[in-house]
N, C-alpha and C. Protein backbone atom coordinates (compact mmCIF):
# COMPACT_ATOMS: atom_id res chain seq x y z
N UNK A 1 0.85 -1.16 -0.08
CA UNK A 1 0.08 0.00 0.06
C UNK A 1 0.80 1.28 0.10
N UNK A 2 1.95 1.37 0.78
CA UNK A 2 2.84 2.27 0.93
C UNK A 2 3.89 2.55 -0.19
N UNK A 3 3.91 1.51 -1.11
CA UNK A 3 5.04 1.36 -2.06
C UNK A 3 4.84 2.56 -3.07
N UNK A 4 3.58 2.78 -3.42
CA UNK A 4 3.31 3.81 -4.38
C UNK A 4 2.38 4.79 -3.95
N UNK A 5 2.85 6.06 -3.67
CA UNK A 5 1.92 7.12 -3.14
C UNK A 5 1.72 8.20 -4.20
N UNK A 6 1.37 7.61 -5.39
CA UNK A 6 1.13 8.43 -6.60
C UNK A 6 0.06 9.33 -6.34
N UNK A 7 -1.00 9.10 -5.63
CA UNK A 7 -2.06 10.11 -5.39
C UNK A 7 -1.60 11.39 -4.58
N UNK A 8 -0.65 11.29 -3.80
CA UNK A 8 -0.07 12.45 -3.19
C UNK A 8 0.74 13.32 -4.19
N UNK A 9 1.53 12.67 -4.98
CA UNK A 9 2.23 13.42 -6.03
C UNK A 9 1.17 14.06 -7.01
N UNK A 10 0.19 13.48 -7.36
CA UNK A 10 -0.82 13.98 -8.23
C UNK A 10 -1.45 15.12 -7.59
N UNK A 11 -1.78 14.93 -6.42
CA UNK A 11 -2.59 16.05 -5.64
C UNK A 11 -1.56 17.37 -5.44
N UNK A 12 -0.37 17.11 -5.18
CA UNK A 12 0.55 18.13 -5.16
C UNK A 12 0.81 18.88 -6.52
N UNK A 13 0.92 18.14 -7.51
CA UNK A 13 0.93 18.59 -9.00
C UNK A 13 -0.42 19.43 -9.28
N UNK A 14 -1.51 18.99 -8.91
CA UNK A 14 -2.80 19.46 -9.03
C UNK A 14 -2.96 20.92 -8.45
N UNK A 15 -2.32 21.10 -7.28
CA UNK A 15 -2.32 22.34 -6.56
C UNK A 15 -1.35 23.30 -7.17
N UNK A 16 -0.13 22.72 -7.69
CA UNK A 16 0.81 23.59 -8.35
C UNK A 16 0.15 23.97 -9.65
N UNK A 17 -0.61 23.19 -10.38
CA UNK A 17 -1.20 23.71 -11.68
C UNK A 17 -2.14 24.81 -11.36
N UNK A 18 -2.94 24.68 -10.39
CA UNK A 18 -3.78 25.74 -9.83
C UNK A 18 -3.11 27.04 -9.67
N UNK A 19 -1.90 27.00 -8.91
CA UNK A 19 -1.16 28.21 -8.63
C UNK A 19 -0.57 28.74 -9.97
N UNK A 20 -0.30 27.89 -10.93
CA UNK A 20 0.29 28.35 -12.23
C UNK A 20 -0.79 29.14 -12.99
N UNK A 21 -1.94 28.47 -12.87
CA UNK A 21 -3.18 29.15 -13.44
C UNK A 21 -3.49 30.49 -12.88
N UNK A 22 -3.48 30.51 -11.50
CA UNK A 22 -3.67 31.69 -10.94
C UNK A 22 -2.64 32.94 -11.33
N UNK A 23 -1.44 32.54 -11.49
CA UNK A 23 -0.37 33.29 -11.95
C UNK A 23 -0.64 33.89 -13.40
N UNK A 24 -1.12 33.03 -14.27
CA UNK A 24 -1.54 33.47 -15.66
C UNK A 24 -2.82 34.42 -15.48
N UNK A 25 -3.68 34.30 -14.63
CA UNK A 25 -4.85 35.05 -14.42
C UNK A 25 -4.38 36.40 -13.84
N UNK A 26 -3.37 36.51 -12.96
CA UNK A 26 -3.11 37.79 -12.36
C UNK A 26 -2.33 38.58 -13.48
N UNK A 27 -1.51 37.93 -14.31
CA UNK A 27 -0.85 38.57 -15.30
C UNK A 27 -1.86 39.17 -16.36
N UNK A 28 -2.88 38.41 -16.63
CA UNK A 28 -3.98 38.94 -17.56
C UNK A 28 -4.57 40.11 -17.01
N UNK A 29 -4.97 40.13 -15.73
CA UNK A 29 -5.66 41.19 -15.00
C UNK A 29 -4.77 42.50 -15.01
N UNK A 30 -3.54 42.24 -14.70
CA UNK A 30 -2.57 43.34 -14.64
C UNK A 30 -2.45 44.07 -16.03
N UNK A 31 -2.51 43.24 -17.07
CA UNK A 31 -2.44 43.90 -18.55
C UNK A 31 -3.64 44.07 -19.25
N UNK A 32 -4.70 44.13 -18.41
CA UNK A 32 -6.18 44.40 -19.02
C UNK A 32 -6.09 45.62 -19.81
N UNK A 33 -5.26 46.65 -19.70
CA UNK A 33 -5.36 47.90 -20.43
C UNK A 33 -4.19 48.00 -21.25
N UNK A 34 -3.46 47.00 -21.47
CA UNK A 34 -2.38 47.11 -22.34
C UNK A 34 -2.54 46.76 -23.81
N UNK A 35 -2.45 47.71 -24.65
CA UNK A 35 -2.73 47.51 -26.13
C UNK A 35 -2.09 46.32 -26.70
N UNK A 36 -2.80 45.42 -27.32
CA UNK A 36 -2.38 44.17 -27.96
C UNK A 36 -2.00 43.14 -27.10
N UNK A 37 -2.20 43.16 -25.80
CA UNK A 37 -1.99 42.00 -25.08
C UNK A 37 -3.09 40.86 -25.19
N UNK A 38 -2.34 39.81 -25.40
CA UNK A 38 -3.27 38.54 -25.70
C UNK A 38 -3.41 37.78 -24.16
N UNK A 39 -4.55 37.40 -23.84
CA UNK A 39 -4.78 36.61 -22.63
C UNK A 39 -4.02 35.31 -22.70
N UNK A 40 -3.74 34.82 -21.60
CA UNK A 40 -3.05 33.50 -21.36
C UNK A 40 -3.57 32.73 -20.36
N UNK A 41 -3.39 31.41 -20.36
CA UNK A 41 -3.83 30.53 -19.47
C UNK A 41 -2.81 29.26 -19.40
N UNK A 42 -2.92 28.65 -18.27
CA UNK A 42 -2.07 27.49 -18.05
C UNK A 42 -2.41 26.42 -19.10
N UNK A 43 -1.45 25.53 -19.30
CA UNK A 43 -1.74 24.29 -20.16
C UNK A 43 -2.86 23.38 -19.49
N UNK A 44 -3.46 22.51 -20.11
CA UNK A 44 -4.29 21.73 -19.40
C UNK A 44 -3.61 20.95 -18.30
N UNK A 45 -4.30 20.36 -17.31
CA UNK A 45 -3.53 19.53 -16.32
C UNK A 45 -3.00 18.34 -16.79
N UNK A 46 -3.56 17.72 -17.82
CA UNK A 46 -2.86 16.44 -18.46
C UNK A 46 -1.55 16.90 -18.98
N UNK A 47 -1.51 17.95 -19.73
CA UNK A 47 -0.13 18.52 -20.40
C UNK A 47 0.77 18.85 -19.17
N UNK A 48 0.24 19.53 -18.26
CA UNK A 48 1.03 19.94 -17.04
C UNK A 48 1.68 18.77 -16.33
N UNK A 49 0.90 17.73 -16.21
CA UNK A 49 1.22 16.30 -15.43
C UNK A 49 2.42 15.87 -16.26
N UNK A 50 2.20 15.59 -17.51
CA UNK A 50 3.15 15.16 -18.38
C UNK A 50 4.51 15.86 -18.45
N UNK A 51 4.49 17.16 -18.56
CA UNK A 51 5.68 17.95 -18.53
C UNK A 51 6.45 17.94 -17.14
N UNK A 52 5.78 17.95 -16.11
CA UNK A 52 6.34 18.05 -14.84
C UNK A 52 6.76 16.69 -14.24
N UNK A 53 6.24 15.54 -14.82
CA UNK A 53 6.75 14.33 -14.39
C UNK A 53 7.73 13.69 -15.24
N UNK A 54 8.19 14.51 -16.38
CA UNK A 54 9.18 13.85 -17.27
C UNK A 54 10.58 13.80 -16.64
N UNK A 55 10.75 14.61 -15.62
CA UNK A 55 11.95 14.65 -14.84
C UNK A 55 12.84 15.90 -15.36
N UNK A 56 12.61 16.24 -16.50
CA UNK A 56 13.42 17.47 -16.92
C UNK A 56 12.78 18.74 -16.43
N UNK A 57 13.49 19.72 -15.94
CA UNK A 57 12.95 20.91 -15.38
C UNK A 57 12.29 21.86 -16.49
N UNK A 58 11.01 21.87 -16.40
CA UNK A 58 10.31 22.72 -17.35
C UNK A 58 10.08 24.06 -16.77
N UNK A 59 10.43 25.13 -17.59
CA UNK A 59 10.42 26.46 -17.21
C UNK A 59 8.81 26.84 -17.05
N UNK A 60 8.62 27.62 -16.10
CA UNK A 60 7.38 28.05 -15.89
C UNK A 60 6.59 28.65 -17.11
N UNK A 61 7.49 29.38 -17.93
CA UNK A 61 6.95 30.10 -19.02
C UNK A 61 6.16 29.09 -20.13
N UNK A 62 6.79 27.94 -20.12
CA UNK A 62 6.34 26.96 -21.05
C UNK A 62 4.96 26.28 -20.61
N UNK A 63 4.60 26.40 -19.34
CA UNK A 63 3.46 25.79 -18.85
C UNK A 63 2.15 26.84 -18.91
N UNK A 64 2.59 28.18 -19.47
CA UNK A 64 1.51 29.14 -19.76
C UNK A 64 1.53 29.42 -21.10
N UNK A 65 0.37 29.33 -21.72
CA UNK A 65 0.24 29.58 -23.06
C UNK A 65 -0.83 30.63 -23.51
N UNK A 66 -0.80 31.22 -24.69
CA UNK A 66 -1.80 32.07 -25.06
C UNK A 66 -3.12 31.36 -25.10
N UNK A 67 -4.21 32.10 -24.78
CA UNK A 67 -5.59 31.56 -24.74
C UNK A 67 -5.95 31.52 -26.15
N UNK A 68 -6.52 30.28 -26.58
CA UNK A 68 -6.88 30.15 -28.02
C UNK A 68 -8.27 30.55 -28.27
N UNK A 69 -9.06 30.86 -27.15
CA UNK A 69 -10.42 31.31 -27.49
C UNK A 69 -10.82 32.47 -26.68
N UNK A 70 -10.22 33.59 -27.19
CA UNK A 70 -10.55 34.93 -26.34
C UNK A 70 -12.06 35.13 -26.39
N UNK A 71 -12.51 35.67 -25.44
CA UNK A 71 -14.01 35.97 -25.33
C UNK A 71 -14.32 37.20 -26.30
N UNK A 72 -13.40 38.13 -26.17
CA UNK A 72 -13.75 39.36 -26.97
C UNK A 72 -12.30 39.96 -27.31
N UNK A 73 -12.34 40.82 -28.34
CA UNK A 73 -11.04 41.48 -28.74
C UNK A 73 -11.52 42.98 -28.71
N UNK A 74 -10.69 43.78 -27.92
CA UNK A 74 -11.09 45.22 -27.87
C UNK A 74 -10.45 45.88 -29.20
N UNK A 75 -10.83 47.02 -29.22
CA UNK A 75 -10.27 47.90 -30.59
C UNK A 75 -8.82 47.92 -30.56
N UNK A 76 -8.16 47.97 -29.44
CA UNK A 76 -6.68 48.06 -29.35
C UNK A 76 -5.98 46.64 -29.50
N UNK A 77 -6.77 45.68 -29.61
CA UNK A 77 -6.19 44.20 -29.82
C UNK A 77 -6.03 43.53 -28.51
N UNK A 78 -6.46 44.10 -27.38
CA UNK A 78 -6.35 43.45 -26.08
C UNK A 78 -7.46 42.33 -26.05
N UNK A 79 -7.30 41.06 -25.59
CA UNK A 79 -8.15 40.05 -25.36
C UNK A 79 -8.52 39.74 -24.00
N UNK A 80 -8.15 40.44 -23.08
CA UNK A 80 -8.54 40.29 -21.60
C UNK A 80 -9.91 40.66 -21.40
N UNK A 81 -10.65 39.87 -20.77
CA UNK A 81 -12.05 40.13 -20.32
C UNK A 81 -12.03 39.89 -18.76
N UNK A 82 -12.11 41.01 -18.06
CA UNK A 82 -12.06 40.93 -16.62
C UNK A 82 -13.11 39.86 -15.98
N UNK A 83 -14.25 39.87 -16.52
CA UNK A 83 -15.33 38.91 -16.04
C UNK A 83 -14.88 37.55 -16.37
N UNK A 84 -14.33 37.22 -17.62
CA UNK A 84 -13.82 35.90 -17.72
C UNK A 84 -12.71 35.51 -16.91
N UNK A 85 -11.73 36.50 -16.51
CA UNK A 85 -10.71 36.24 -15.66
C UNK A 85 -11.24 35.87 -14.29
N UNK A 86 -12.30 36.65 -13.80
CA UNK A 86 -12.91 36.31 -12.51
C UNK A 86 -13.31 34.88 -12.52
N UNK A 87 -14.01 34.40 -13.56
CA UNK A 87 -14.45 33.08 -13.68
C UNK A 87 -13.36 31.98 -13.58
N UNK A 88 -12.22 32.27 -14.38
CA UNK A 88 -11.05 31.44 -14.36
C UNK A 88 -10.52 31.39 -12.91
N UNK A 89 -10.60 32.60 -12.25
CA UNK A 89 -9.90 32.70 -10.91
C UNK A 89 -10.80 31.66 -9.76
N UNK A 90 -11.99 31.73 -10.05
CA UNK A 90 -12.90 30.87 -9.18
C UNK A 90 -12.66 29.38 -9.64
N UNK A 91 -12.50 29.09 -10.86
CA UNK A 91 -12.19 27.64 -11.28
C UNK A 91 -10.81 27.28 -10.64
N UNK A 92 -9.81 28.12 -10.76
CA UNK A 92 -8.53 27.82 -10.20
C UNK A 92 -8.59 27.59 -8.58
N UNK A 93 -9.30 28.45 -7.99
CA UNK A 93 -9.51 28.28 -6.54
C UNK A 93 -10.07 27.05 -6.20
N UNK A 94 -11.12 26.54 -6.85
CA UNK A 94 -11.89 25.35 -6.63
C UNK A 94 -10.87 24.07 -7.05
N UNK A 95 -10.02 24.20 -8.00
CA UNK A 95 -9.11 23.23 -8.23
C UNK A 95 -8.17 23.06 -7.14
N UNK A 96 -7.65 24.19 -6.56
CA UNK A 96 -6.65 24.20 -5.55
C UNK A 96 -7.26 23.55 -4.28
N UNK A 97 -8.63 23.92 -3.92
CA UNK A 97 -9.22 23.25 -2.79
C UNK A 97 -9.51 21.79 -2.99
N UNK A 98 -9.72 21.41 -4.25
CA UNK A 98 -9.94 19.95 -4.47
C UNK A 98 -8.59 19.37 -4.28
N UNK A 99 -7.50 19.87 -4.80
CA UNK A 99 -6.15 19.05 -4.53
C UNK A 99 -5.82 19.09 -3.11
N UNK A 100 -6.13 20.11 -2.37
CA UNK A 100 -5.97 20.01 -0.69
C UNK A 100 -6.96 19.05 -0.21
N UNK A 101 -8.09 18.95 -0.62
CA UNK A 101 -9.02 17.99 -0.13
C UNK A 101 -8.52 16.54 -0.32
N UNK A 102 -7.99 16.26 -1.57
CA UNK A 102 -7.51 14.83 -1.86
C UNK A 102 -6.33 14.56 -1.10
N UNK A 103 -5.39 15.53 -0.88
CA UNK A 103 -4.19 15.47 -0.02
C UNK A 103 -4.56 15.16 1.32
N UNK A 104 -5.58 15.95 1.89
CA UNK A 104 -5.87 15.73 3.24
C UNK A 104 -6.55 14.32 3.45
N UNK A 105 -7.49 13.91 2.53
CA UNK A 105 -8.15 12.68 2.70
C UNK A 105 -7.06 11.53 2.57
N UNK A 106 -6.10 11.64 1.74
CA UNK A 106 -5.12 10.62 1.57
C UNK A 106 -4.29 10.63 2.88
N UNK A 107 -3.86 11.66 3.42
CA UNK A 107 -3.18 11.80 4.57
C UNK A 107 -3.93 11.05 5.73
N UNK A 108 -5.16 11.40 5.90
CA UNK A 108 -6.09 10.75 6.94
C UNK A 108 -6.03 9.32 6.70
N UNK A 109 -6.10 8.75 5.48
CA UNK A 109 -6.22 7.34 5.14
C UNK A 109 -4.98 6.69 5.61
N UNK A 110 -3.69 7.36 5.31
CA UNK A 110 -2.43 6.76 5.68
C UNK A 110 -2.33 6.80 7.25
N UNK A 111 -2.74 7.82 7.97
CA UNK A 111 -2.60 7.84 9.32
C UNK A 111 -3.57 6.65 9.90
N UNK A 112 -4.84 6.49 9.42
CA UNK A 112 -5.59 5.43 9.96
C UNK A 112 -5.11 4.06 9.66
N UNK A 113 -4.39 3.85 8.57
CA UNK A 113 -3.81 2.54 8.25
C UNK A 113 -2.61 2.26 9.22
N UNK A 114 -1.86 3.23 9.83
CA UNK A 114 -0.64 2.98 10.54
C UNK A 114 -1.12 3.10 12.00
N UNK A 115 -2.34 3.37 12.30
CA UNK A 115 -2.84 3.36 13.65
C UNK A 115 -2.65 4.63 14.43
N UNK A 116 -2.56 5.73 13.81
CA UNK A 116 -2.48 7.03 14.51
C UNK A 116 -3.80 7.78 14.46
């Protein structure tokens, strides 16, 4: 049972992905008035997991990519929508809370199995 604690590594990676996503959202909001700025988002969790588990150190910049489906484009070429970023922020927070919940439940299960 204790030989493979993959669920803990995955929960940690899920939380790190949420943090990367929040970073991209914060950059988008900070550049909401920058002409020509293209909104960005983190890669999908599946791509994030593959990249971070490969063993090679992946730069943070490669884990954030331009958003392929901008909600709107302003006349100055900016694709940031504050409302859309707020929704993304809530999704990232929920993702982080889920990762912490998985980590917590796994920890409790391990404690119960060793009798603590």
